[in-house]
Amino acid sequence: MDDQGCPRCKTTKYRNPSLKLMVNVCGHTLCESCVDMLFVRGSGNCVQCDTPLRKSNFRVQLFEDPTVDKEVEIRKKVLKIYNKRDFDFSSLREYNDYLEQVEEIVYNLTNNIEVERTKQIMEAYQRENRDVIQKNKAKLTREQEELEELLLLEQQDNEQRRLETLQEEQRQLQAKRKNKQALLDELERSHVPATILLAQHKDRATQLENQIEKQKQVVKTTIFSTGIPMVFEPRACCPATGHGWRIHLRTGVSSSHTGCLQWAFPSTGLTPRPPPRPPSL
């Protein structure tokens, strides 16, 4: 990391730890000061390979090797065009061939191998598959929006649980303080021996602790990052497996009494097979 530096002004990370290195599409590095100086008009040529560059395309170098930054950026652009999924192909072999073609394109553009021919291949593919590309792009956008919505709901649920836990802790602390103050008042006013009052206070404290512990064990719905609410419900032992807990996925709860693990997915129509019934005697 100390050897990293700007090839133009020769400033290194060792001499200037706050040095900010920038990288462009050609994969060559310049420091932020040199970028501002050389590209004051918004465009210019790379000082190493003389490639025409735009100032707006410079970005902070994330990896020690600038070639990795170049590959990451190229891969993003390629995958915007080659955005098919596995279910778009009739066989796994076709999908693997497609992935191999994508990797070959990324490798060629990253290492400056037959760049013009590779770009022509990409342009031809884009013309021939324009409708599929737009369809998959719209589908990906919807999936991203749904995922962001689920993550937001999960974040709100976590914050709500945190506030509820904090409020519960405050209530428990107030109850303990109230119980302690009640003991002091009784010791001050009552004529009952202190040992008896202390024993009564100990019993009340034990009951309070038991009540708090029961409240902690209250069954609550848990929402996973997949967005599927799940709740564990105590129930009588299952006659098939002997389990004493039942798991419900709120997307669709089966009413079957033969299995402890009851799942139902109306959106996909897939329902796991319940455990077999015990053989009749």
C-alpha atoms as a PDB file:
ATOM      1  CA  MET A   1       0.000   0.000   0.000  1.00  0.00           C
ATOM      2  CA  ASP A   2       2.920   2.361   0.748  1.00  0.00           C
ATOM      3  CA  ASP A   3       4.165   1.973  -2.855  1.00  0.00           C
ATOM      4  CA  GLN A   4       0.927   3.373  -4.260  1.00  0.00           C
ATOM      5  CA  GLY A   5       1.350   6.801  -5.750  1.00  0.00           C
ATOM      6  CA  CYS A   6       0.596   9.187  -8.580  1.00  0.00           C
ATOM      7  CA  PRO A   7       2.697   8.475 -11.708  1.00  0.00           C
ATOM      8  CA  ARG A   8       2.691  12.159 -12.670  1.00  0.00           C
ATOM      9  CA  CYS A   9       3.625  14.061  -9.491  1.00  0.00           C
ATOM     10  CA  LYS A  10       5.327  11.031  -7.869  1.00  0.00           C
ATOM     11  CA  THR A  11       3.516  11.582  -4.561  1.00  0.00           C
ATOM     12  CA  THR A  12       3.082   8.305  -2.665  1.00  0.00           C
ATOM     13  CA  LYS A  13       0.819   7.066   0.079  1.00  0.00           C
ATOM     14  CA  TYR A  14       3.877   6.689   2.277  1.00  0.00           C
ATOM     15  CA  ARG A  15       4.750  10.388   2.152  1.00  0.00           C
ATOM     16  CA  ASN A  16       1.133  11.568   2.105  1.00  0.00           C
ATOM     17  CA  PRO A  17      -1.245   9.079   3.803  1.00  0.00           C
ATOM     18  CA  SER A  18      -4.255  11.257   2.899  1.00  0.00           C
ATOM     19  CA  LEU A  19      -3.444  11.039  -0.823  1.00  0.00           C
ATOM     20  CA  LYS A  20      -6.600  10.296  -2.816  1.00  0.00           C
ATOM     21  CA  LEU A  21      -5.919   8.271  -5.955  1.00  0.00           C
ATOM     22  CA  MET A  22      -8.376   8.296  -8.849  1.00  0.00           C
ATOM     23  CA  VAL A  23      -8.796   5.804 -11.682  1.00  0.00           C
ATOM     24  CA  ASN A  24     -10.556   6.037 -15.055  1.00  0.00           C
ATOM     25  CA  VAL A  25     -11.748   3.577 -17.695  1.00  0.00           C
ATOM     26  CA  CYS A  26      -8.212   2.936 -18.954  1.00  0.00           C
ATOM     27  CA  GLY A  27      -7.183   1.612 -15.531  1.00  0.00           C
ATOM     28  CA  HIS A  28      -4.336   4.094 -14.937  1.00  0.00           C
ATOM     29  CA  THR A  29      -4.046   6.087 -11.734  1.00  0.00           C
ATOM     30  CA  LEU A  30      -3.778   9.805 -11.017  1.00  0.00           C
ATOM     31  CA  CYS A  31      -4.060  11.693  -7.758  1.00  0.00           C
ATOM     32  CA  GLU A  32      -6.975  14.064  -7.223  1.00  0.00           C
ATOM     33  CA  SER A  33      -4.788  17.166  -7.564  1.00  0.00           C
ATOM     34  CA  CYS A  34      -3.399  16.040 -10.928  1.00  0.00           C
ATOM     35  CA  VAL A  35      -6.899  15.200 -12.170  1.00  0.00           C
ATOM     36  CA  ASP A  36      -8.093  18.718 -11.311  1.00  0.00           C
ATOM     37  CA  MET A  37      -5.052  20.230 -13.005  1.00  0.00           C
ATOM     38  CA  LEU A  38      -4.985  18.135 -16.203  1.00  0.00           C
ATOM     39  CA  PHE A  39      -8.737  17.935 -16.771  1.00  0.00           C
ATOM     40  CA  VAL A  40      -9.685  21.495 -15.919  1.00  0.00           C
ATOM     41  CA  ARG A  41     -11.706  21.682 -19.171  1.00  0.00           C
ATOM     42  CA  GLY A  42     -13.547  18.452 -18.418  1.00  0.00           C
ATOM     43  CA  SER A  43     -11.618  16.172 -20.777  1.00  0.00           C
ATOM     44  CA  GLY A  44      -8.078  15.215 -21.705  1.00  0.00           C
ATOM     45  CA  ASN A  45      -5.736  12.315 -22.406  1.00  0.00           C
ATOM     46  CA  CYS A  46      -4.260   9.759 -20.023  1.00  0.00           C
ATOM     47  CA  VAL A  47      -0.627  10.595 -19.206  1.00  0.00           C
ATOM     48  CA  GLN A  48       0.348   6.922 -19.551  1.00  0.00           C
ATOM     49  CA  CYS A  49      -1.608   5.501 -22.504  1.00  0.00           C
ATOM     50  CA  ASP A  50      -2.870   8.720 -24.166  1.00  0.00           C
ATOM     51  CA  THR A  51      -6.468   7.444 -24.088  1.00  0.00           C
ATOM     52  CA  PRO A  52      -9.088  10.249 -24.344  1.00  0.00           C
ATOM     53  CA  LEU A  53     -10.772  10.563 -20.941  1.00  0.00           C
ATOM     54  CA  ARG A  54     -13.523  12.568 -19.285  1.00  0.00           C
ATOM     55  CA  LYS A  55     -13.026  14.089 -15.866  1.00  0.00           C
ATOM     56  CA  SER A  56     -16.509  12.953 -14.799  1.00  0.00           C
ATOM     57  CA  ASN A  57     -15.480   9.312 -15.310  1.00  0.00           C
ATOM     58  CA  PHE A  58     -12.732   9.456 -12.681  1.00  0.00           C
ATOM     59  CA  ARG A  59     -13.597   7.637  -9.452  1.00  0.00           C
ATOM     60  CA  VAL A  60     -11.766   6.910  -6.218  1.00  0.00           C
ATOM     61  CA  GLN A  61      -9.473   3.898  -6.468  1.00  0.00           C
ATOM     62  CA  LEU A  62     -10.857   1.175  -4.198  1.00  0.00           C
ATOM     63  CA  PHE A  63      -8.338  -1.623  -4.739  1.00  0.00           C
ATOM     64  CA  GLU A  64      -4.576  -1.630  -4.425  1.00  0.00           C
ATOM     65  CA  ASP A  65      -4.301  -2.835  -8.015  1.00  0.00           C
ATOM     66  CA  PRO A  66      -6.023  -0.297 -10.328  1.00  0.00           C
ATOM     67  CA  THR A  67      -6.607  -3.081 -12.867  1.00  0.00           C
ATOM     68  CA  VAL A  68      -9.162  -4.554 -10.469  1.00  0.00           C
ATOM     69  CA  ASP A  69     -11.048  -1.243 -10.419  1.00  0.00           C
ATOM     70  CA  LYS A  70     -10.983  -1.266 -14.201  1.00  0.00           C
ATOM     71  CA  GLU A  71     -12.354  -4.811 -14.347  1.00  0.00           C
ATOM     72  CA  VAL A  72     -15.142  -4.019 -11.860  1.00  0.00           C
ATOM     73  CA  GLU A  73     -16.267  -1.024 -13.907  1.00  0.00           C
ATOM     74  CA  ILE A  74     -16.124  -2.961 -17.184  1.00  0.00           C
ATOM     75  CA  ARG A  75     -18.067  -5.848 -15.666  1.00  0.00           C
ATOM     76  CA  LYS A  76     -20.842  -3.480 -14.570  1.00  0.00           C
ATOM     77  CA  LYS A  77     -21.197  -2.126 -18.110  1.00  0.00           C
ATOM     78  CA  VAL A  78     -21.103  -5.580 -19.712  1.00  0.00           C
ATOM     79  CA  LEU A  79     -23.709  -7.016 -17.325  1.00  0.00           C
ATOM     80  CA  LYS A  80     -26.110  -4.199 -18.190  1.00  0.00           C
ATOM     81  CA  ILE A  81     -26.233  -5.719 -21.685  1.00  0.00           C
ATOM     82  CA  TYR A  82     -25.687  -9.396 -20.885  1.00  0.00           C
ATOM     83  CA  ASN A  83     -28.371  -9.558 -18.193  1.00  0.00           C
ATOM     84  CA  LYS A  84     -29.975 -12.923 -18.912  1.00  0.00           C
ATOM     85  CA  ARG A  85     -30.710 -15.359 -16.079  1.00  0.00           C
ATOM     86  CA  ASP A  86     -30.439 -19.136 -15.907  1.00  0.00           C
ATOM     87  CA  PHE A  87     -34.195 -19.539 -16.518  1.00  0.00           C
ATOM     88  CA  ASP A  88     -33.808 -17.766 -19.876  1.00  0.00           C
ATOM     89  CA  PHE A  89     -32.027 -20.841 -21.251  1.00  0.00           C
ATOM     90  CA  SER A  90     -33.351 -24.266 -22.137  1.00  0.00           C
ATOM     91  CA  SER A  91     -30.340 -26.145 -20.753  1.00  0.00           C
ATOM     92  CA  LEU A  92     -27.555 -25.692 -18.255  1.00  0.00           C
ATOM     93  CA  ARG A  93     -24.976 -26.101 -21.010  1.00  0.00           C
ATOM     94  CA  GLU A  94     -26.350 -23.088 -22.901  1.00  0.00           C
ATOM     95  CA  TYR A  95     -26.284 -21.010 -19.723  1.00  0.00           C
ATOM     96  CA  ASN A  96     -22.672 -21.991 -18.986  1.00  0.00           C
ATOM     97  CA  ASP A  97     -21.652 -21.122 -22.550  1.00  0.00           C
ATOM     98  CA  TYR A  98     -23.335 -17.744 -22.105  1.00  0.00           C
ATOM     99  CA  LEU A  99     -21.423 -17.096 -18.861  1.00  0.00           C
ATOM    100  CA  GLU A 100     -18.177 -18.118 -20.530  1.00  0.00           C
ATOM    101  CA  GLN A 101     -18.832 -15.612 -23.312  1.00  0.00           C
ATOM    102  CA  VAL A 102     -19.441 -12.859 -20.752  1.00  0.00           C
ATOM    103  CA  GLU A 103     -16.188 -13.644 -18.939  1.00  0.00           C
ATOM    104  CA  GLU A 104     -14.276 -13.638 -22.227  1.00  0.00           C
ATOM    105  CA  ILE A 105     -15.650 -10.195 -23.086  1.00  0.00           C
ATOM    106  CA  VAL A 106     -14.725  -8.813 -19.658  1.00  0.00           C
ATOM    107  CA  TYR A 107     -11.232 -10.307 -19.895  1.00  0.00           C
ATOM    108  CA  ASN A 108     -10.603  -8.914 -23.377  1.00  0.00           C
ATOM    109  CA  LEU A 109     -11.740  -5.401 -22.484  1.00  0.00           C
ATOM    110  CA  THR A 110      -9.792  -5.425 -19.215  1.00  0.00           C
ATOM    111  CA  ASN A 111      -6.544  -6.551 -20.824  1.00  0.00           C
ATOM    112  CA  ASN A 112      -6.956  -4.613 -24.115  1.00  0.00           C
ATOM    113  CA  ILE A 113      -7.235  -7.764 -26.235  1.00  0.00           C
ATOM    114  CA  GLU A 114      -9.104  -7.348 -29.539  1.00  0.00           C
ATOM    115  CA  VAL A 115     -11.027  -4.436 -28.085  1.00  0.00           C
ATOM    116  CA  GLU A 116     -12.703  -3.319 -31.322  1.00  0.00           C
ATOM    117  CA  ARG A 117     -13.845  -6.836 -32.252  1.00  0.00           C
ATOM    118  CA  THR A 118     -15.171  -7.380 -28.725  1.00  0.00           C
ATOM    119  CA  LYS A 119     -17.119  -4.118 -28.838  1.00  0.00           C
ATOM    120  CA  GLN A 120     -18.612  -5.135 -32.194  1.00  0.00           C
ATOM    121  CA  ILE A 121     -19.750  -8.442 -30.670  1.00  0.00           C
ATOM    122  CA  MET A 122     -21.413  -6.562 -27.813  1.00  0.00           C
ATOM    123  CA  GLU A 123     -23.152  -4.132 -30.187  1.00  0.00           C
ATOM    124  CA  ALA A 124     -24.442  -6.982 -32.359  1.00  0.00           C
ATOM    125  CA  TYR A 125     -25.746  -8.835 -29.306  1.00  0.00           C
ATOM    126  CA  GLN A 126     -27.435  -5.681 -28.028  1.00  0.00           C
ATOM    127  CA  ARG A 127     -29.224  -5.137 -31.358  1.00  0.00           C
ATOM    128  CA  GLU A 128     -30.410  -8.748 -31.586  1.00  0.00           C
ATOM    129  CA  ASN A 129     -31.603  -8.986 -27.968  1.00  0.00           C
ATOM    130  CA  ARG A 130     -32.878  -5.467 -27.346  1.00  0.00           C
ATOM    131  CA  ASP A 131     -36.325  -6.607 -26.172  1.00  0.00           C
ATOM    132  CA  VAL A 132     -34.952  -9.264 -23.815  1.00  0.00           C
ATOM    133  CA  ILE A 133     -32.439  -6.809 -22.358  1.00  0.00           C
ATOM    134  CA  GLN A 134     -35.148  -4.225 -21.625  1.00  0.00           C
ATOM    135  CA  LYS A 135     -37.439  -6.877 -20.144  1.00  0.00           C
ATOM    136  CA  ASN A 136     -34.763  -8.230 -17.807  1.00  0.00           C
ATOM    137  CA  LYS A 137     -33.710  -4.711 -16.861  1.00  0.00           C
ATOM    138  CA  ALA A 138     -37.279  -3.852 -15.836  1.00  0.00           C
ATOM    139  CA  LYS A 139     -37.569  -7.132 -13.932  1.00  0.00           C
ATOM    140  CA  LEU A 140     -34.309  -6.452 -12.094  1.00  0.00           C
ATOM    141  CA  THR A 141     -35.507  -2.958 -11.180  1.00  0.00           C
ATOM    142  CA  ARG A 142     -38.711  -4.366  -9.674  1.00  0.00           C
ATOM    143  CA  GLU A 143     -36.754  -6.961  -7.705  1.00  0.00           C
ATOM    144  CA  GLN A 144     -34.438  -4.277  -6.345  1.00  0.00           C
ATOM    145  CA  GLU A 145     -37.404  -2.128  -5.307  1.00  0.00           C
ATOM    146  CA  GLU A 146     -39.039  -5.078  -3.555  1.00  0.00           C
ATOM    147  CA  LEU A 147     -35.788  -5.919  -1.779  1.00  0.00           C
ATOM    148  CA  GLU A 148     -35.312  -2.320  -0.653  1.00  0.00           C
ATOM    149  CA  GLU A 149     -38.885  -2.278   0.653  1.00  0.00           C
ATOM    150  CA  LEU A 150     -38.322  -5.516   2.585  1.00  0.00           C
ATOM    151  CA  LEU A 151     -35.082  -4.197   4.055  1.00  0.00           C
ATOM    152  CA  LEU A 152     -36.839  -0.987   5.092  1.00  0.00           C
ATOM    153  CA  LEU A 153     -39.630  -2.954   6.777  1.00  0.00           C
ATOM    154  CA  GLU A 154     -37.074  -5.103   8.560  1.00  0.00           C
ATOM    155  CA  GLN A 155     -35.211  -2.011   9.727  1.00  0.00           C
ATOM    156  CA  GLN A 156     -38.430  -0.457  11.035  1.00  0.00           C
ATOM    157  CA  ASP A 157     -39.360  -3.700  12.786  1.00  0.00           C
ATOM    158  CA  ASN A 158     -35.923  -3.908  14.422  1.00  0.00           C
ATOM    159  CA  GLU A 159     -36.207  -0.308  15.586  1.00  0.00           C
ATOM    160  CA  GLN A 160     -39.688  -0.989  16.990  1.00  0.00           C
ATOM    161  CA  ARG A 161     -38.431  -4.042  18.880  1.00  0.00           C
ATOM    162  CA  ARG A 162     -35.495  -2.027  20.212  1.00  0.00           C
ATOM    163  CA  LEU A 163     -37.838   0.675  21.527  1.00  0.00           C
ATOM    164  CA  GLU A 164     -40.144  -1.933  23.064  1.00  0.00           C
ATOM    165  CA  THR A 165     -37.188  -3.617  24.762  1.00  0.00           C
ATOM    166  CA  LEU A 166     -35.946  -0.272  26.076  1.00  0.00           C
ATOM    167  CA  GLN A 167     -39.395   0.615  27.426  1.00  0.00           C
ATOM    168  CA  GLU A 168     -39.720  -2.796  29.045  1.00  0.00           C
ATOM    169  CA  GLU A 169     -36.333  -2.404  30.718  1.00  0.00           C
ATOM    170  CA  GLN A 170     -37.400   1.003  32.047  1.00  0.00           C
ATOM    171  CA  ARG A 171     -40.629  -0.472  33.430  1.00  0.00           C
ATOM    172  CA  GLN A 172     -38.715  -3.298  35.087  1.00  0.00           C
ATOM    173  CA  LEU A 173     -36.248  -0.852  36.618  1.00  0.00           C
ATOM    174  CA  GLN A 174     -39.080   1.303  37.965  1.00  0.00           C
ATOM    175  CA  ALA A 175     -40.804  -1.758  39.418  1.00  0.00           C
ATOM    176  CA  LYS A 176     -37.604  -2.799  41.214  1.00  0.00           C
ATOM    177  CA  ARG A 177     -37.091   0.707  42.583  1.00  0.00           C
ATOM    178  CA  LYS A 178     -40.709   0.831  43.741  1.00  0.00           C
ATOM    179  CA  ASN A 179     -40.347  -2.535  45.464  1.00  0.00           C
ATOM    180  CA  LYS A 180     -37.145  -1.404  47.175  1.00  0.00           C
ATOM    181  CA  GLN A 181     -38.744   1.857  48.323  1.00  0.00           C
ATOM    182  CA  ALA A 182     -41.747  -0.082  49.649  1.00  0.00           C
ATOM    183  CA  LEU A 183     -39.376  -2.209  51.751  1.00  0.00           C
ATOM    184  CA  LEU A 184     -37.713   0.885  53.211  1.00  0.00           C
ATOM    185  CA  ASP A 185     -41.114   2.409  54.057  1.00  0.00           C
ATOM    186  CA  GLU A 186     -42.257  -0.802  55.755  1.00  0.00           C
ATOM    187  CA  LEU A 187     -39.048  -1.041  57.777  1.00  0.00           C
ATOM    188  CA  GLU A 188     -39.561   2.557  58.883  1.00  0.00           C
ATOM    189  CA  ARG A 189     -43.255   2.363  59.833  1.00  0.00           C
ATOM    190  CA  SER A 190     -44.040  -1.273  60.604  1.00  0.00           C
ATOM    191  CA  HIS A 191     -43.617  -2.989  63.975  1.00  0.00           C
ATOM    192  CA  VAL A 192     -43.101  -6.358  62.302  1.00  0.00           C
ATOM    193  CA  PRO A 193     -39.602  -7.784  62.824  1.00  0.00           C
ATOM    194  CA  ALA A 194     -37.166  -6.841  60.081  1.00  0.00           C
ATOM    195  CA  THR A 195     -36.372 -10.477  59.293  1.00  0.00           C
ATOM    196  CA  ILE A 196     -40.017 -11.118  58.368  1.00  0.00           C
ATOM    197  CA  LEU A 197     -40.202  -7.970  56.246  1.00  0.00           C
ATOM    198  CA  LEU A 198     -36.992  -8.926  54.457  1.00  0.00           C
ATOM    199  CA  ALA A 199     -38.356 -12.410  53.769  1.00  0.00           C
ATOM    200  CA  GLN A 200     -41.583 -10.927  52.373  1.00  0.00           C
ATOM    201  CA  HIS A 201     -39.572  -8.519  50.240  1.00  0.00           C
ATOM    202  CA  LYS A 202     -37.480 -11.398  48.940  1.00  0.00           C
ATOM    203  CA  ASP A 203     -40.645 -13.284  47.957  1.00  0.00           C
ATOM    204  CA  ARG A 204     -42.012 -10.245  46.125  1.00  0.00           C
ATOM    205  CA  ALA A 205     -38.687  -9.761  44.343  1.00  0.00           C
ATOM    206  CA  THR A 206     -38.695 -13.412  43.275  1.00  0.00           C
ATOM    207  CA  GLN A 207     -42.254 -13.103  41.949  1.00  0.00           C
ATOM    208  CA  LEU A 208     -41.258  -9.961  40.053  1.00  0.00           C
ATOM    209  CA  GLU A 209     -38.265 -11.718  38.493  1.00  0.00           C
ATOM    210  CA  ASN A 210     -40.458 -14.653  37.465  1.00  0.00           C
ATOM    211  CA  GLN A 211     -42.971 -12.283  35.907  1.00  0.00           C
ATOM    212  CA  ILE A 212     -40.212 -10.510  33.979  1.00  0.00           C
ATOM    213  CA  GLU A 213     -38.842 -13.834  32.752  1.00  0.00           C
ATOM    214  CA  LYS A 214     -42.293 -14.904  31.522  1.00  0.00           C
ATOM    215  CA  GLN A 215     -42.667 -11.636  29.627  1.00  0.00           C
ATOM    216  CA  LYS A 216     -39.348 -12.282  27.895  1.00  0.00           C
ATOM    217  CA  GLN A 217     -40.618 -15.665  26.738  1.00  0.00           C
ATOM    218  CA  VAL A 218     -43.753 -14.265  25.099  1.00  0.00           C
ATOM    219  CA  VAL A 219     -43.954 -15.609  21.554  1.00  0.00           C
ATOM    220  CA  LYS A 220     -43.387 -12.914  18.938  1.00  0.00           C
ATOM    221  CA  THR A 221     -43.372 -12.983  15.157  1.00  0.00           C
ATOM    222  CA  THR A 222     -39.890 -12.829  13.659  1.00  0.00           C
ATOM    223  CA  ILE A 223     -39.424 -11.274  10.221  1.00  0.00           C
ATOM    224  CA  PHE A 224     -36.380 -12.519   8.381  1.00  0.00           C
ATOM    225  CA  SER A 225     -34.502 -10.602   5.682  1.00  0.00           C
ATOM    226  CA  THR A 226     -36.464 -12.611   3.124  1.00  0.00           C
ATOM    227  CA  GLY A 227     -39.563 -10.731   4.263  1.00  0.00           C
ATOM    228  CA  ILE A 228     -41.373 -13.894   5.442  1.00  0.00           C
ATOM    229  CA  PRO A 229     -42.896 -13.521   8.924  1.00  0.00           C
ATOM    230  CA  MET A 230     -42.417 -16.634  11.042  1.00  0.00           C
ATOM    231  CA  VAL A 231     -43.807 -17.421  14.468  1.00  0.00           C
ATOM    232  CA  PHE A 232     -43.115 -20.338  16.765  1.00  0.00           C
ATOM    233  CA  GLU A 233     -46.273 -21.479  18.542  1.00  0.00           C
ATOM    234  CA  PRO A 234     -46.358 -23.934  21.446  1.00  0.00           C
ATOM    235  CA  ARG A 235     -48.816 -26.752  20.940  1.00  0.00           C
ATOM    236  CA  ALA A 236     -49.537 -30.265  22.032  1.00  0.00           C
ATOM    237  CA  CYS A 237     -47.055 -32.866  20.848  1.00  0.00           C
ATOM    238  CA  CYS A 238     -47.530 -33.855  17.238  1.00  0.00           C
ATOM    239  CA  PRO A 239     -48.882 -37.413  16.942  1.00  0.00           C
ATOM    240  CA  ALA A 240     -46.579 -38.068  13.988  1.00  0.00           C
ATOM    241  CA  THR A 241     -43.234 -36.756  15.207  1.00  0.00           C
ATOM    242  CA  GLY A 242     -43.689 -36.017  18.902  1.00  0.00           C
ATOM    243  CA  HIS A 243     -42.501 -32.438  18.464  1.00  0.00           C
ATOM    244  CA  GLY A 244     -43.992 -29.812  20.730  1.00  0.00           C
ATOM    245  CA  TRP A 245     -43.578 -26.742  18.519  1.00  0.00           C
ATOM    246  CA  ARG A 246     -45.232 -25.665  15.302  1.00  0.00           C
ATOM    247  CA  ILE A 247     -43.743 -23.219  12.806  1.00  0.00           C
ATOM    248  CA  HIS A 248     -46.079 -21.084  10.722  1.00  0.00           C
ATOM    249  CA  LEU A 249     -44.997 -19.019   7.747  1.00  0.00           C
ATOM    250  CA  ARG A 250     -47.519 -16.213   7.567  1.00  0.00           C
ATOM    251  CA  THR A 251     -47.585 -16.222   3.760  1.00  0.00           C
ATOM    252  CA  GLY A 252     -50.052 -19.072   4.110  1.00  0.00           C
ATOM    253  CA  VAL A 253     -50.594 -21.277   7.140  1.00  0.00           C
ATOM    254  CA  SER A 254     -51.654 -24.838   6.695  1.00  0.00           C
ATOM    255  CA  SER A 255     -54.329 -26.124   9.055  1.00  0.00           C
ATOM    256  CA  SER A 256     -53.083 -29.684   8.898  1.00  0.00           C
ATOM    257  CA  HIS A 257     -52.717 -31.357  12.278  1.00  0.00           C
ATOM    258  CA  THR A 258     -50.422 -34.130  11.117  1.00  0.00           C
ATOM    259  CA  GLY A 259     -47.163 -32.189  10.957  1.00  0.00           C
ATOM    260  CA  CYS A 260     -45.346 -29.806  13.247  1.00  0.00           C
ATOM    261  CA  LEU A 261     -43.692 -27.976  10.385  1.00  0.00           C
ATOM    262  CA  GLN A 262     -46.570 -26.499   8.407  1.00  0.00           C
ATOM    263  CA  TRP A 263     -45.592 -24.408   5.400  1.00  0.00           C
ATOM    264  CA  ALA A 264     -47.708 -23.099   2.554  1.00  0.00           C
ATOM    265  CA  PHE A 265     -46.689 -20.772  -0.260  1.00  0.00           C
ATOM    266  CA  PRO A 266     -49.741 -19.605  -2.243  1.00  0.00           C
ATOM    267  CA  SER A 267     -47.576 -17.571  -4.636  1.00  0.00           C
ATOM    268  CA  THR A 268     -45.674 -20.611  -5.852  1.00  0.00           C
ATOM    269  CA  GLY A 269     -48.133 -23.362  -5.083  1.00  0.00           C
ATOM    270  CA  LEU A 270     -45.398 -25.344  -3.359  1.00  0.00           C
ATOM    271  CA  THR A 271     -46.305 -26.983  -0.067  1.00  0.00           C
ATOM    272  CA  PRO A 272     -43.776 -29.220   1.713  1.00  0.00           C
ATOM    273  CA  ARG A 273     -45.067 -32.714   2.240  1.00  0.00           C
ATOM    274  CA  PRO A 274     -46.248 -33.255   5.843  1.00  0.00           C
ATOM    275  CA  PRO A 275     -44.636 -35.994   7.934  1.00  0.00           C
ATOM    276  CA  PRO A 276     -46.209 -39.442   7.489  1.00  0.00           C
ATOM    277  CA  ARG A 277     -48.936 -40.585   9.831  1.00  0.00           C
ATOM    278  CA  PRO A 278     -47.945 -43.184  12.413  1.00  0.00           C
ATOM    279  CA  PRO A 279     -48.920 -46.709  11.385  1.00  0.00           C
ATOM    280  CA  SER A 280     -52.250 -47.808  12.757  1.00  0.00           C
ATOM    281  CA  LEU A 281     -52.141 -50.622  15.294  1.00  0.00           C
END
